[in-house]
C-alpha atoms as a PDB file:
ATOM      1  CA  MET A   1       5.694 -17.516  15.356  1.00  0.00           C
ATOM      2  CA  PRO A   2       2.175 -17.216  13.841  1.00  0.00           C
ATOM      3  CA  GLU A   3       1.365 -19.738  11.128  1.00  0.00           C
ATOM      4  CA  ALA A   4      -1.532 -20.729   8.891  1.00  0.00           C
ATOM      5  CA  THR A   5      -2.370 -23.071   6.023  1.00  0.00           C
ATOM      6  CA  ILE A   6      -4.047 -22.322   2.695  1.00  0.00           C
ATOM      7  CA  ASN A   7      -5.238 -25.550   1.039  1.00  0.00           C
ATOM      8  CA  ASP A   8      -2.649 -27.419   3.161  1.00  0.00           C
ATOM      9  CA  ILE A   9       0.191 -25.092   2.100  1.00  0.00           C
ATOM     10  CA  ARG A  10       1.849 -23.924   5.320  1.00  0.00           C
ATOM     11  CA  ILE A  11       2.913 -20.298   5.754  1.00  0.00           C
ATOM     12  CA  GLU A  12       4.401 -18.464   8.729  1.00  0.00           C
ATOM     13  CA  ALA A  13       5.510 -14.949   9.638  1.00  0.00           C
ATOM     14  CA  ASP A  14       6.942 -12.969  12.522  1.00  0.00           C
ATOM     15  CA  THR A  15       3.724 -11.067  13.281  1.00  0.00           C
ATOM     16  CA  ARG A  16      -0.001 -11.553  12.798  1.00  0.00           C
ATOM     17  CA  ALA A  17      -0.158  -8.644  10.324  1.00  0.00           C
ATOM     18  CA  GLU A  18       2.651 -10.163   8.239  1.00  0.00           C
ATOM     19  CA  LEU A  19       0.899 -13.544   8.361  1.00  0.00           C
ATOM     20  CA  ASN A  20      -2.326 -11.966   7.070  1.00  0.00           C
ATOM     21  CA  ASN A  21      -0.455 -10.442   4.131  1.00  0.00           C
ATOM     22  CA  ALA A  22       1.376 -13.671   3.368  1.00  0.00           C
ATOM     23  CA  ALA A  23      -1.900 -15.613   3.501  1.00  0.00           C
ATOM     24  CA  VAL A  24      -3.567 -13.296   0.984  1.00  0.00           C
ATOM     25  CA  GLN A  25      -0.539 -13.556  -1.312  1.00  0.00           C
ATOM     26  CA  GLU A  26      -0.635 -17.357  -1.105  1.00  0.00           C
ATOM     27  CA  LEU A  27      -4.364 -17.450  -1.830  1.00  0.00           C
ATOM     28  CA  LEU A  28      -3.853 -15.269  -4.909  1.00  0.00           C
ATOM     29  CA  ARG A  29      -0.835 -17.326  -5.988  1.00  0.00           C
ATOM     30  CA  GLN A  30      -2.881 -20.518  -5.877  1.00  0.00           C
ATOM     31  CA  ARG A  31      -5.662 -18.891  -7.905  1.00  0.00           C
ATOM     32  CA  ALA A  32      -3.122 -17.731 -10.514  1.00  0.00           C
ATOM     33  CA  LEU A  33      -1.824 -21.293 -10.733  1.00  0.00           C
ATOM     34  CA  ALA A  34      -5.349 -22.656 -11.128  1.00  0.00           C
ATOM     35  CA  VAL A  35      -6.227 -20.361 -14.047  1.00  0.00           C
ATOM     36  CA  GLY A  36      -2.928 -20.899 -15.855  1.00  0.00           C
ATOM     37  CA  LEU A  37      -1.350 -17.487 -15.295  1.00  0.00           C
ATOM     38  CA  LEU A  38       1.531 -18.845 -13.238  1.00  0.00           C
ATOM     39  CA  GLU A  39       3.694 -21.935 -13.002  1.00  0.00           C
ATOM     40  CA  ASP A  40       4.758 -23.435  -9.692  1.00  0.00           C
ATOM     41  CA  GLY A  41       8.266 -22.403  -8.680  1.00  0.00           C
ATOM     42  CA  ALA A  42       8.209 -19.070 -10.534  1.00  0.00           C
ATOM     43  CA  ASP A  43      10.492 -16.317  -9.243  1.00  0.00           C
ATOM     44  CA  ASP A  44       9.198 -13.282  -7.335  1.00  0.00           C
ATOM     45  CA  ASP A  45       9.068 -10.936 -10.337  1.00  0.00           C
ATOM     46  CA  THR A  46       7.128 -13.462 -12.430  1.00  0.00           C
ATOM     47  CA  ARG A  47       4.750 -14.156  -9.562  1.00  0.00           C
ATOM     48  CA  ALA A  48       4.100 -10.443  -8.966  1.00  0.00           C
ATOM     49  CA  ALA A  49       3.325  -9.912 -12.658  1.00  0.00           C
ATOM     50  CA  ALA A  50       0.979 -12.909 -12.686  1.00  0.00           C
ATOM     51  CA  LEU A  51      -0.916 -11.719  -9.606  1.00  0.00           C
ATOM     52  CA  GLU A  52      -1.310  -8.272 -11.102  1.00  0.00           C
ATOM     53  CA  GLN A  53      -2.695  -9.833 -14.301  1.00  0.00           C
ATOM     54  CA  LEU A  54      -5.017 -12.026 -12.226  1.00  0.00           C
ATOM     55  CA  LEU A  55      -6.525  -9.043 -10.449  1.00  0.00           C
ATOM     56  CA  GLU A  56      -6.924  -7.128 -13.706  1.00  0.00           C
ATOM     57  CA  GLN A  57      -8.835 -10.073 -15.201  1.00  0.00           C
ATOM     58  CA  GLU A  58     -11.021 -11.068 -12.270  1.00  0.00           C
ATOM     59  CA  VAL A  59     -11.690  -7.925 -10.224  1.00  0.00           C
ATOM     60  CA  SER A  60     -14.297  -5.543 -11.624  1.00  0.00           C
ATOM     61  CA  VAL A  61     -14.278  -1.975 -10.298  1.00  0.00           C
ATOM     62  CA  PRO A  62     -17.447   0.138 -10.786  1.00  0.00           C
ATOM     63  CA  GLN A  63     -17.144   3.724 -12.031  1.00  0.00           C
ATOM     64  CA  ALA A  64     -18.645   6.527  -9.940  1.00  0.00           C
ATOM     65  CA  SER A  65     -21.437   8.613 -11.446  1.00  0.00           C
ATOM     66  CA  ASP A  66     -21.276  12.420 -11.689  1.00  0.00           C
ATOM     67  CA  SER A  67     -23.685  12.777  -8.770  1.00  0.00           C
ATOM     68  CA  GLU A  68     -21.542  10.466  -6.617  1.00  0.00           C
ATOM     69  CA  LEU A  69     -18.451  12.508  -7.468  1.00  0.00           C
ATOM     70  CA  GLU A  70     -20.181  15.749  -6.468  1.00  0.00           C
ATOM     71  CA  ARG A  71     -21.437  14.284  -3.183  1.00  0.00           C
ATOM     72  CA  TYR A  72     -17.969  13.021  -2.315  1.00  0.00           C
ATOM     73  CA  TYR A  73     -16.385  16.372  -3.176  1.00  0.00           C
ATOM     74  CA  THR A  74     -18.870  18.210  -0.960  1.00  0.00           C
ATOM     75  CA  ALA A  75     -18.263  15.853   1.958  1.00  0.00           C
ATOM     76  CA  HIS A  76     -14.457  16.001   1.639  1.00  0.00           C
ATOM     77  CA  ALA A  77     -13.900  19.516   0.286  1.00  0.00           C
ATOM     78  CA  ARG A  78     -10.805  20.137   2.421  1.00  0.00           C
ATOM     79  CA  ARG A  79      -8.943  17.450   0.490  1.00  0.00           C
ATOM     80  CA  TYR A  80      -9.166  19.369  -2.754  1.00  0.00           C
ATOM     81  CA  CYS A  81      -6.877  22.340  -2.426  1.00  0.00           C
ATOM     82  CA  ALA A  82      -4.322  23.829  -4.822  1.00  0.00           C
ATOM     83  CA  GLY A  83      -0.903  25.003  -3.733  1.00  0.00           C
ATOM     84  CA  GLU A  84      -0.751  22.862  -0.599  1.00  0.00           C
ATOM     85  CA  LEU A  85       2.677  21.703   0.533  1.00  0.00           C
ATOM     86  CA  VAL A  86       3.834  18.776   2.633  1.00  0.00           C
ATOM     87  CA  PHE A  87       7.224  18.508   4.307  1.00  0.00           C
ATOM     88  CA  ALA A  88       7.976  14.803   4.665  1.00  0.00           C
ATOM     89  CA  SER A  89      10.675  12.249   5.433  1.00  0.00           C
ATOM     90  CA  HIS A  90      10.913   8.560   4.585  1.00  0.00           C
ATOM     91  CA  ILE A  91      12.935   5.397   4.912  1.00  0.00           C
ATOM     92  CA  LEU A  92      12.977   3.407   1.668  1.00  0.00           C
ATOM     93  CA  LEU A  93      13.666  -0.308   1.455  1.00  0.00           C
ATOM     94  CA  GLN A  94      14.169  -0.664  -2.273  1.00  0.00           C
ATOM     95  CA  VAL A  95      12.812  -3.521  -4.370  1.00  0.00           C
ATOM     96  CA  THR A  96      15.510  -4.823  -6.693  1.00  0.00           C
ATOM     97  CA  SER A  97      15.537  -7.698  -9.180  1.00  0.00           C
ATOM     98  CA  GLY A  98      15.433 -11.063  -7.437  1.00  0.00           C
ATOM     99  CA  VAL A  99      14.842  -9.633  -3.977  1.00  0.00           C
ATOM    100  CA  ASP A 100      12.933 -11.762  -1.448  1.00  0.00           C
ATOM    101  CA  LEU A 101       9.790  -9.589  -1.204  1.00  0.00           C
ATOM    102  CA  PRO A 102       8.287 -11.155   1.948  1.00  0.00           C
ATOM    103  CA  ALA A 103      11.639 -10.843   3.722  1.00  0.00           C
ATOM    104  CA  LEU A 104      12.038  -7.229   2.590  1.00  0.00           C
ATOM    105  CA  GLN A 105       8.524  -6.389   3.735  1.00  0.00           C
ATOM    106  CA  ALA A 106       9.162  -8.073   7.097  1.00  0.00           C
ATOM    107  CA  ARG A 107      12.310  -5.978   7.532  1.00  0.00           C
ATOM    108  CA  ALA A 108      10.381  -2.808   6.683  1.00  0.00           C
ATOM    109  CA  GLU A 109       7.637  -3.734   9.170  1.00  0.00           C
ATOM    110  CA  ALA A 110      10.285  -4.257  11.847  1.00  0.00           C
ATOM    111  CA  ILE A 111      11.775  -0.802  11.190  1.00  0.00           C
ATOM    112  CA  LEU A 112       8.302   0.739  11.302  1.00  0.00           C
ATOM    113  CA  ARG A 113       7.663  -0.879  14.704  1.00  0.00           C
ATOM    114  CA  ASN A 114      11.025   0.424  15.904  1.00  0.00           C
ATOM    115  CA  VAL A 115      10.202   3.974  14.798  1.00  0.00           C
ATOM    116  CA  ARG A 116       6.737   3.728  16.319  1.00  0.00           C
ATOM    117  CA  ASP A 117       8.264   2.756  19.671  1.00  0.00           C
ATOM    118  CA  GLN A 118      11.194   5.209  19.443  1.00  0.00           C
ATOM    119  CA  PRO A 119      10.225   8.081  17.116  1.00  0.00           C
ATOM    120  CA  GLU A 120      13.367  10.008  18.010  1.00  0.00           C
ATOM    121  CA  ARG A 121      15.404   7.342  16.150  1.00  0.00           C
ATOM    122  CA  PHE A 122      13.797   8.027  12.753  1.00  0.00           C
ATOM    123  CA  ASP A 123      16.735  10.041  11.388  1.00  0.00           C
ATOM    124  CA  GLN A 124      19.268   7.471  12.583  1.00  0.00           C
ATOM    125  CA  LEU A 125      17.319   4.551  11.118  1.00  0.00           C
ATOM    126  CA  ALA A 126      16.970   6.399   7.823  1.00  0.00           C
ATOM    127  CA  ARG A 127      20.739   6.878   7.632  1.00  0.00           C
ATOM    128  CA  GLU A 128      21.326   3.205   8.463  1.00  0.00           C
ATOM    129  CA  ASN A 129      18.644   1.556   6.328  1.00  0.00           C
ATOM    130  CA  SER A 130      17.217   3.781   3.589  1.00  0.00           C
ATOM    131  CA  ASN A 131      18.141   3.138  -0.053  1.00  0.00           C
ATOM    132  CA  CYS A 132      17.281   6.726  -1.019  1.00  0.00           C
ATOM    133  CA  PRO A 133      19.828   9.568  -1.307  1.00  0.00           C
ATOM    134  CA  SER A 134      17.701  11.370   1.293  1.00  0.00           C
ATOM    135  CA  SER A 135      19.192   8.957   3.860  1.00  0.00           C
ATOM    136  CA  GLU A 136      22.127  11.372   4.206  1.00  0.00           C
ATOM    137  CA  LEU A 137      19.614  13.967   5.445  1.00  0.00           C
ATOM    138  CA  GLY A 138      17.930  11.617   7.902  1.00  0.00           C
ATOM    139  CA  GLY A 139      15.306  10.736   5.309  1.00  0.00           C
ATOM    140  CA  SER A 140      14.147  14.314   4.686  1.00  0.00           C
ATOM    141  CA  LEU A 141      12.480  14.871   1.296  1.00  0.00           C
ATOM    142  CA  GLY A 142      11.928  18.574   1.872  1.00  0.00           C
ATOM    143  CA  GLN A 143       8.713  20.157   0.594  1.00  0.00           C
ATOM    144  CA  LEU A 144       6.477  18.290  -1.832  1.00  0.00           C
ATOM    145  CA  GLN A 145       3.470  19.278  -3.936  1.00  0.00           C
ATOM    146  CA  ARG A 146       0.797  17.030  -5.421  1.00  0.00           C
ATOM    147  CA  GLY A 147       2.035  15.127  -8.439  1.00  0.00           C
ATOM    148  CA  GLU A 148       5.730  15.316  -7.578  1.00  0.00           C
ATOM    149  CA  THR A 149       5.910  11.699  -6.389  1.00  0.00           C
ATOM    150  CA  VAL A 150       4.477   8.403  -7.670  1.00  0.00           C
ATOM    151  CA  PRO A 151       0.685   8.021  -7.186  1.00  0.00           C
ATOM    152  CA  GLU A 152       0.838   5.601  -4.240  1.00  0.00           C
ATOM    153  CA  PHE A 153       3.184   7.873  -2.302  1.00  0.00           C
ATOM    154  CA  ASP A 154       1.212  10.957  -3.304  1.00  0.00           C
ATOM    155  CA  ALA A 155      -1.979   9.363  -2.007  1.00  0.00           C
ATOM    156  CA  ALA A 156      -0.443   8.874   1.424  1.00  0.00           C
ATOM    157  CA  LEU A 157       1.012  12.384   1.524  1.00  0.00           C
ATOM    158  CA  PHE A 158      -2.267  14.115   0.704  1.00  0.00           C
ATOM    159  CA  SER A 159      -4.967  11.735   1.924  1.00  0.00           C
ATOM    160  CA  ASP A 160      -5.792  13.787   5.019  1.00  0.00           C
ATOM    161  CA  GLN A 161      -4.418  16.548   7.241  1.00  0.00           C
ATOM    162  CA  SER A 162      -2.524  14.333   9.681  1.00  0.00           C
ATOM    163  CA  VAL A 163       1.041  15.009  10.799  1.00  0.00           C
ATOM    164  CA  GLY A 164       3.493  12.467  12.170  1.00  0.00           C
ATOM    165  CA  LEU A 165       4.394   8.857  11.443  1.00  0.00           C
ATOM    166  CA  TRP A 166       2.219   7.155   8.803  1.00  0.00           C
ATOM    167  CA  PRO A 167       0.666   4.103  10.525  1.00  0.00           C
ATOM    168  CA  GLN A 168       1.523   1.522   7.841  1.00  0.00           C
ATOM    169  CA  LEU A 169       4.062   0.930   5.110  1.00  0.00           C
ATOM    170  CA  VAL A 170       3.579   2.759   1.815  1.00  0.00           C
ATOM    171  CA  ARG A 171       4.251   0.378  -1.103  1.00  0.00           C
ATOM    172  CA  THR A 172       5.327   1.856  -4.427  1.00  0.00           C
ATOM    173  CA  ARG A 173       7.152   0.605  -7.506  1.00  0.00           C
ATOM    174  CA  PHE A 174      10.380   1.539  -5.714  1.00  0.00           C
ATOM    175  CA  GLY A 175       9.794  -0.545  -2.600  1.00  0.00           C
ATOM    176  CA  PHE A 176       8.489  -0.168   0.941  1.00  0.00           C
ATOM    177  CA  HIS A 177       8.476   3.274   2.565  1.00  0.00           C
ATOM    178  CA  ILE A 178       8.252   4.249   6.216  1.00  0.00           C
ATOM    179  CA  LEU A 179       6.711   7.722   5.938  1.00  0.00           C
ATOM    180  CA  ARG A 180       6.662  10.640   8.342  1.00  0.00           C
ATOM    181  CA  ILE A 181       4.715  13.844   7.670  1.00  0.00           C
ATOM    182  CA  ASP A 182       6.691  16.670   9.271  1.00  0.00           C
ATOM    183  CA  GLN A 183       4.589  19.729   8.357  1.00  0.00           C
ATOM    184  CA  ARG A 184       1.660  20.793   6.195  1.00  0.00           C
ATOM    185  CA  VAL A 185       1.057  24.150   4.503  1.00  0.00           C
ATOM    186  CA  PRO A 186      -2.605  24.483   3.422  1.00  0.00           C
ATOM    187  CA  GLY A 187      -3.589  25.559  -0.076  1.00  0.00           C
ATOM    188  CA  LYS A 188      -6.700  27.173  -1.591  1.00  0.00           C
ATOM    189  CA  GLN A 189      -9.997  25.400  -2.168  1.00  0.00           C
ATOM    190  CA  MET A 190     -10.471  24.113  -5.743  1.00  0.00           C
ATOM    191  CA  PRO A 191     -13.904  24.328  -7.442  1.00  0.00           C
ATOM    192  CA  PHE A 192     -15.504  20.994  -8.283  1.00  0.00           C
ATOM    193  CA  ASP A 193     -14.937  21.314 -12.045  1.00  0.00           C
ATOM    194  CA  VAL A 194     -11.196  21.674 -11.437  1.00  0.00           C
ATOM    195  CA  ALA A 195     -11.020  18.964  -8.775  1.00  0.00           C
ATOM    196  CA  ARG A 196     -13.242  16.475 -10.627  1.00  0.00           C
ATOM    197  CA  GLU A 197     -10.416  14.268 -11.927  1.00  0.00           C
ATOM    198  CA  ARG A 198      -8.826  14.002  -8.487  1.00  0.00           C
ATOM    199  CA  VAL A 199     -12.186  13.184  -6.908  1.00  0.00           C
ATOM    200  CA  ALA A 200     -12.714  10.430  -9.494  1.00  0.00           C
ATOM    201  CA  MET A 201      -9.262   8.972  -8.747  1.00  0.00           C
ATOM    202  CA  ASP A 202      -9.956   8.955  -5.006  1.00  0.00           C
ATOM    203  CA  LEU A 203     -13.301   7.196  -5.419  1.00  0.00           C
ATOM    204  CA  GLN A 204     -11.766   4.753  -7.894  1.00  0.00           C
ATOM    205  CA  GLY A 205      -9.103   3.845  -5.349  1.00  0.00           C
ATOM    206  CA  GLN A 206     -11.699   3.213  -2.656  1.00  0.00           C
ATOM    207  CA  ALA A 207     -13.821   1.129  -5.023  1.00  0.00           C
ATOM    208  CA  LEU A 208     -10.759  -0.923  -5.968  1.00  0.00           C
ATOM    209  CA  THR A 209      -9.969  -1.618  -2.312  1.00  0.00           C
ATOM    210  CA  ARG A 210     -13.525  -2.815  -1.643  1.00  0.00           C
ATOM    211  CA  ALA A 211     -13.538  -4.961  -4.798  1.00  0.00           C
ATOM    212  CA  LEU A 212     -10.220  -6.587  -3.877  1.00  0.00           C
ATOM    213  CA  GLU A 213     -11.399  -7.355  -0.349  1.00  0.00           C
ATOM    214  CA  GLN A 214     -14.603  -8.910  -1.698  1.00  0.00           C
ATOM    215  CA  TYR A 215     -12.596 -10.963  -4.192  1.00  0.00           C
ATOM    216  CA  VAL A 216     -10.336 -12.303  -1.433  1.00  0.00           C
ATOM    217  CA  ARG A 217     -13.372 -13.209   0.683  1.00  0.00           C
ATOM    218  CA  ILE A 218     -14.837 -15.170  -2.238  1.00  0.00           C
ATOM    219  CA  LEU A 219     -11.566 -17.047  -2.841  1.00  0.00           C
ATOM    220  CA  ALA A 220     -11.197 -17.735   0.874  1.00  0.00           C
ATOM    221  CA  GLY A 221     -14.713 -19.152   0.990  1.00  0.00           C
ATOM    222  CA  GLN A 222     -13.751 -21.646  -1.709  1.00  0.00           C
ATOM    223  CA  ALA A 223     -10.470 -22.667  -0.049  1.00  0.00           C
ATOM    224  CA  LYS A 224      -9.410 -24.617   3.005  1.00  0.00           C
ATOM    225  CA  VAL A 225      -8.056 -21.871   5.259  1.00  0.00           C
ATOM    226  CA  GLU A 226      -6.755 -22.470   8.773  1.00  0.00           C
ATOM    227  CA  GLY A 227      -5.049 -20.132  11.220  1.00  0.00           C
ATOM    228  CA  VAL A 228      -6.146 -16.803   9.698  1.00  0.00           C
ATOM    229  CA  ASP A 229      -9.426 -15.007   8.946  1.00  0.00           C
ATOM    230  CA  LEU A 230      -9.094 -13.784   5.362  1.00  0.00           C
ATOM    231  CA  GLY A 231     -12.535 -12.211   5.505  1.00  0.00           C
ATOM    232  CA  ALA A 232     -11.199  -9.594   7.889  1.00  0.00           C
ATOM    233  CA  VAL A 233      -7.884  -8.532   6.344  1.00  0.00           C
ATOM    234  CA  GLY A 234      -6.939  -5.969   3.733  1.00  0.00           C
ATOM    235  CA  VAL A 235      -5.342  -6.782   0.420  1.00  0.00           C
ATOM    236  CA  PRO A 236      -1.643  -5.924   0.034  1.00  0.00           C
ATOM    237  CA  LEU A 237      -0.257  -4.574  -3.225  1.00  0.00           C
ATOM    238  CA  VAL A 238       1.267  -7.264  -5.386  1.00  0.00           C
ATOM    239  CA  ASN A 239       3.175  -5.286  -8.008  1.00  0.00           C
END
C-alpha cells in the first residue's frame, strides 16, 4: 500500500493517485491549522469548510482581459454552441453528513477502475452502487442541456466532444460521480458576444486550477514531504 509523510504525519492509500490526493489534503489541512482556520480533530464537514476558506483567502486568480477572451473563443469555437444535447449516465456515491470522505472517494475510484476494465458492467454497477434514482435505469440521465446540472457536472458534460467513460471522478456538492457520455447532438455556433460569459467562466476555471497547483507547490516547498511529489499532482476539490 503506497504511503507518504507530510511533516512527519503518515498517510497511506490503496493507489498512487489516491495517495497524491490524500497528501494534498493533508498539506492543506496543516496550513489551515497553522493560520488558525481549523482545530486539530475537527470532523470532515468542518475540515472541508476550513480548506475552502483557506483557498479563498490565499489563492489569487487573475481575471482574463477582453482580448484573451476573444482569442480563446476563436481557438475553441466548437465549444460554444447553443442547443447541443448530451445523453449521459452516471454512478453517484453521495456525500452525506459525517461520511468518511477519503473512504468514499476510494470506493468511487475502485468502481471507476472496475468500469474501465469491464465497461459492459456499468449498468449493473449503477444499480448496485448509485445513490441516484437513475440507478433503476442503469444510471441513465437521459438527454441534458447546458445549465441543467450543477456547474462541476456541466463542465464535464460539455468540456469537449468526447464520448464514452469520463477518465476521472467528477466531484460535485452531491458526491463523487462516475460519468459516461453516451451520445452527443451538436448545436449551432454562438457569436462571441453571446458566448462571452461562458468563455470567461472556462478561462476562470483554468486559471483557478493553475493557481491552486502553484499554491500547493509553494506549500510543499516549505514542508517536509516524503513519498510523494506534490509538485506534479493536481489539486482535488475540497468542498
